[in-house]
């Protein structure tokens, strides 16, 4: 038996036998967090843009509902989610976790992006409309490139939000490996 002083300062650490479980956990987190981030951005950007730029009936009430949805602690919704997904036979499914995480990430990202889109200058969008762009083209070719920093920041924040959520994953997967 060699003593630690004989091994040296930079000795190679031996695996504990848990490496396959750690790799599986990281893989499962990526399988869930990447689609959640992508879907969140695909939904939140146009919704936040429409809230920031258009005037429509009950806009204020919808924005308040978005804000209010973030005041409810997510743990309060755990039992209703469990009952709902149990009735659909989706306990232990990746899809159930993706849906739950989307309900956490979409309101927050929409709310933050709404504030960002409402500060962008409207004159640039007017110029695009004068050049023949439709509203969707204005969003895709003018507003989105101007908003890349905010969109990337939201994407990172929502990825980390879904990556760090453990309570829903433990309960909804019911201790089984989540499958597709």
Protein backbone atom coordinates (compact mmCIF):
# COMPACT_ATOMS: atom_id res chain seq x y z
CA UNK A 1 0.00 0.00 0.00
CA UNK A 2 1.42 3.31 -1.08
CA UNK A 3 0.91 6.31 1.14
CA UNK A 4 -0.55 9.51 -0.34
CA UNK A 5 2.84 11.22 0.06
CA UNK A 6 4.43 8.53 -2.15
CA UNK A 7 1.84 8.93 -4.92
CA UNK A 8 2.60 12.57 -5.57
CA UNK A 9 0.61 15.75 -5.68
CA UNK A 10 -1.08 15.19 -9.05
CA UNK A 11 -2.08 11.56 -8.71
CA UNK A 12 -4.75 10.13 -10.96
CA UNK A 13 -8.07 9.75 -9.17
CA UNK A 14 -9.81 6.42 -9.50
CA UNK A 15 -13.39 6.23 -10.67
CA UNK A 16 -15.92 5.59 -7.95
CA UNK A 17 -18.14 3.41 -10.10
CA UNK A 18 -20.77 6.11 -10.40
CA UNK A 19 -19.52 7.48 -13.72
CA UNK A 20 -22.23 5.81 -15.85
CA UNK A 21 -24.91 7.31 -13.62
CA UNK A 22 -23.39 10.78 -13.85
CA UNK A 23 -23.12 10.54 -17.63
CA UNK A 24 -26.73 9.30 -17.85
CA UNK A 25 -27.89 12.19 -15.67
CA UNK A 26 -26.09 14.76 -17.80
CA UNK A 27 -27.48 13.17 -20.97
CA UNK A 28 -31.03 13.20 -19.57
CA UNK A 29 -30.65 16.83 -18.57
CA UNK A 30 -29.49 17.73 -22.08
CA UNK A 31 -32.35 15.75 -23.65
CA UNK A 32 -34.82 17.82 -21.63
CA UNK A 33 -33.13 21.23 -21.32
CA UNK A 34 -32.22 21.72 -24.99
CA UNK A 35 -35.77 21.30 -26.38
CA UNK A 36 -37.20 23.37 -23.53
CA UNK A 37 -34.82 26.20 -24.39
CA UNK A 38 -35.52 26.00 -28.11
CA UNK A 39 -39.30 25.84 -27.74
CA UNK A 40 -39.25 28.64 -25.18
CA UNK A 41 -37.38 30.95 -27.54
CA UNK A 42 -39.58 30.00 -30.50
CA UNK A 43 -42.72 30.85 -28.53
CA UNK A 44 -41.56 33.71 -26.31
CA UNK A 45 -39.93 35.89 -28.99
CA UNK A 46 -43.03 36.38 -31.19
CA UNK A 47 -45.36 36.63 -28.20
CA UNK A 48 -43.16 39.20 -26.46
CA UNK A 49 -42.79 41.12 -29.71
CA UNK A 50 -46.55 41.23 -30.19
CA UNK A 51 -47.01 42.42 -26.61
CA UNK A 52 -44.32 45.06 -27.06
CA UNK A 53 -45.50 46.42 -30.40
CA UNK A 54 -49.22 45.86 -30.93
CA UNK A 55 -52.22 47.35 -29.23
CA UNK A 56 -55.03 44.90 -28.64
CA UNK A 57 -57.88 44.38 -26.27
CA UNK A 58 -57.04 43.02 -22.81
CA UNK A 59 -53.29 43.34 -23.37
CA UNK A 60 -52.82 44.60 -19.82
CA UNK A 61 -54.80 41.70 -18.34
CA UNK A 62 -52.76 39.17 -20.28
CA UNK A 63 -49.50 40.77 -19.16
CA UNK A 64 -50.72 40.72 -15.57
CA UNK A 65 -51.63 37.05 -15.96
CA UNK A 66 -48.10 36.35 -17.20
CA UNK A 67 -46.64 38.20 -14.25
CA UNK A 68 -49.02 36.55 -11.82
CA UNK A 69 -48.11 33.09 -13.10
CA UNK A 70 -44.57 33.73 -11.86
CA UNK A 71 -45.76 34.62 -8.35
CA UNK A 72 -47.20 31.16 -7.73
CA UNK A 73 -44.54 28.87 -6.27
CA UNK A 74 -43.97 26.04 -8.78
CA UNK A 75 -44.16 23.43 -6.02
CA UNK A 76 -47.86 24.28 -5.57
CA UNK A 77 -48.56 22.87 -9.04
CA UNK A 78 -46.71 19.61 -8.43
CA UNK A 79 -49.68 17.50 -7.31
CA UNK A 80 -52.04 18.72 -10.09
CA UNK A 81 -49.31 18.02 -12.66
CA UNK A 82 -48.77 14.55 -11.22
CA UNK A 83 -52.49 13.73 -11.36
CA UNK A 84 -52.78 15.14 -14.88
CA UNK A 85 -49.83 13.20 -16.27
CA UNK A 86 -50.85 10.06 -14.42
CA UNK A 87 -54.25 10.22 -16.13
CA UNK A 88 -52.45 10.56 -19.48
CA UNK A 89 -50.08 7.68 -18.58
CA UNK A 90 -47.07 9.98 -18.98
CA UNK A 91 -45.47 9.48 -15.58
CA UNK A 92 -41.82 8.69 -16.21
CA UNK A 93 -41.85 10.38 -19.62
CA UNK A 94 -39.50 13.03 -20.93
CA UNK A 95 -42.43 14.76 -22.61
CA UNK A 96 -44.15 15.42 -19.31
CA UNK A 97 -41.03 17.12 -17.94
CA UNK A 98 -40.67 19.22 -21.09
CA UNK A 99 -44.28 20.42 -20.80
CA UNK A 100 -43.85 21.27 -17.12
CA UNK A 101 -40.60 23.14 -17.70
CA UNK A 102 -42.18 25.08 -20.56
CA UNK A 103 -44.87 26.32 -18.19
CA UNK A 104 -42.07 27.64 -15.99
CA UNK A 105 -39.87 29.19 -18.67
CA UNK A 106 -42.26 30.70 -21.23
CA UNK A 107 -43.96 33.26 -18.93
CA UNK A 108 -40.68 34.52 -17.50
CA UNK A 109 -38.91 34.79 -20.84
CA UNK A 110 -41.93 36.45 -22.44
CA UNK A 111 -42.10 38.99 -19.65
CA UNK A 112 -38.40 39.85 -19.88
CA UNK A 113 -38.37 40.02 -23.68
CA UNK A 114 -41.53 42.16 -23.66
CA UNK A 115 -39.64 44.78 -21.69
CA UNK A 116 -36.74 44.58 -24.11
CA UNK A 117 -38.84 44.78 -27.27
CA UNK A 118 -40.76 47.78 -26.00
CA UNK A 119 -37.50 49.74 -25.70
CA UNK A 120 -36.36 49.14 -29.29
CA UNK A 121 -36.82 52.10 -31.65
CA UNK A 122 -39.95 51.82 -33.77
CA UNK A 123 -38.51 53.97 -36.54
CA UNK A 124 -36.31 51.12 -37.81
CA UNK A 125 -39.35 48.88 -38.06
CA UNK A 126 -41.24 51.62 -39.91
CA UNK A 127 -38.38 51.87 -42.38
CA UNK A 128 -38.53 48.12 -42.95
CA UNK A 129 -42.26 48.30 -43.52
CA UNK A 130 -41.73 51.11 -46.04
CA UNK A 131 -39.21 48.94 -47.87
CA UNK A 132 -41.87 46.26 -48.32
CA UNK A 133 -41.29 43.94 -45.37
CA UNK A 134 -44.24 42.22 -43.77
CA UNK A 135 -44.51 42.23 -39.97
CA UNK A 136 -43.03 38.74 -39.82
CA UNK A 137 -40.14 39.79 -42.04
CA UNK A 138 -39.56 42.82 -39.82
CA UNK A 139 -39.38 40.53 -36.81
CA UNK A 140 -37.10 38.04 -38.53
CA UNK A 141 -34.78 40.40 -40.43
CA UNK A 142 -34.70 43.56 -38.33
CA UNK A 143 -35.85 43.02 -34.76
CA UNK A 144 -34.33 39.57 -34.13
CA UNK A 145 -30.79 40.57 -35.19
CA UNK A 146 -31.05 43.70 -33.02
CA UNK A 147 -32.25 41.51 -30.14
CA UNK A 148 -29.66 38.72 -30.30
CA UNK A 149 -28.00 39.69 -26.99
CA UNK A 150 -31.33 39.59 -25.15
CA UNK A 151 -32.44 36.39 -26.86
CA UNK A 152 -29.16 34.64 -26.08
CA UNK A 153 -29.32 35.81 -22.46
CA UNK A 154 -32.88 34.48 -22.16
CA UNK A 155 -31.86 31.20 -23.80
CA UNK A 156 -29.03 30.72 -21.31
CA UNK A 157 -31.26 31.65 -18.38
CA UNK A 158 -34.03 29.27 -19.47
CA UNK A 159 -31.55 26.47 -20.16
CA UNK A 160 -30.16 26.82 -16.66
CA UNK A 161 -33.66 27.03 -15.19
CA UNK A 162 -34.68 23.75 -16.78
CA UNK A 163 -31.28 22.17 -16.06
CA UNK A 164 -31.47 22.97 -12.34
CA UNK A 165 -35.06 21.87 -11.73
CA UNK A 166 -34.96 18.66 -9.70
CA UNK A 167 -38.19 18.43 -7.71
CA UNK A 168 -40.48 18.01 -10.73
CA UNK A 169 -38.05 15.53 -12.26
CA UNK A 170 -37.97 13.39 -9.12
CA UNK A 171 -41.73 13.31 -8.68
CA UNK A 172 -42.89 13.11 -12.29
CA UNK A 173 -40.42 10.40 -13.25
CA UNK A 174 -41.41 8.57 -10.05
CA UNK A 175 -37.87 7.32 -9.55
CA UNK A 176 -37.82 5.56 -12.93
CA UNK A 177 -35.47 6.46 -15.75
CA UNK A 178 -37.45 8.92 -17.88
CA UNK A 179 -38.10 7.59 -21.36
CA UNK A 180 -39.45 9.06 -24.54
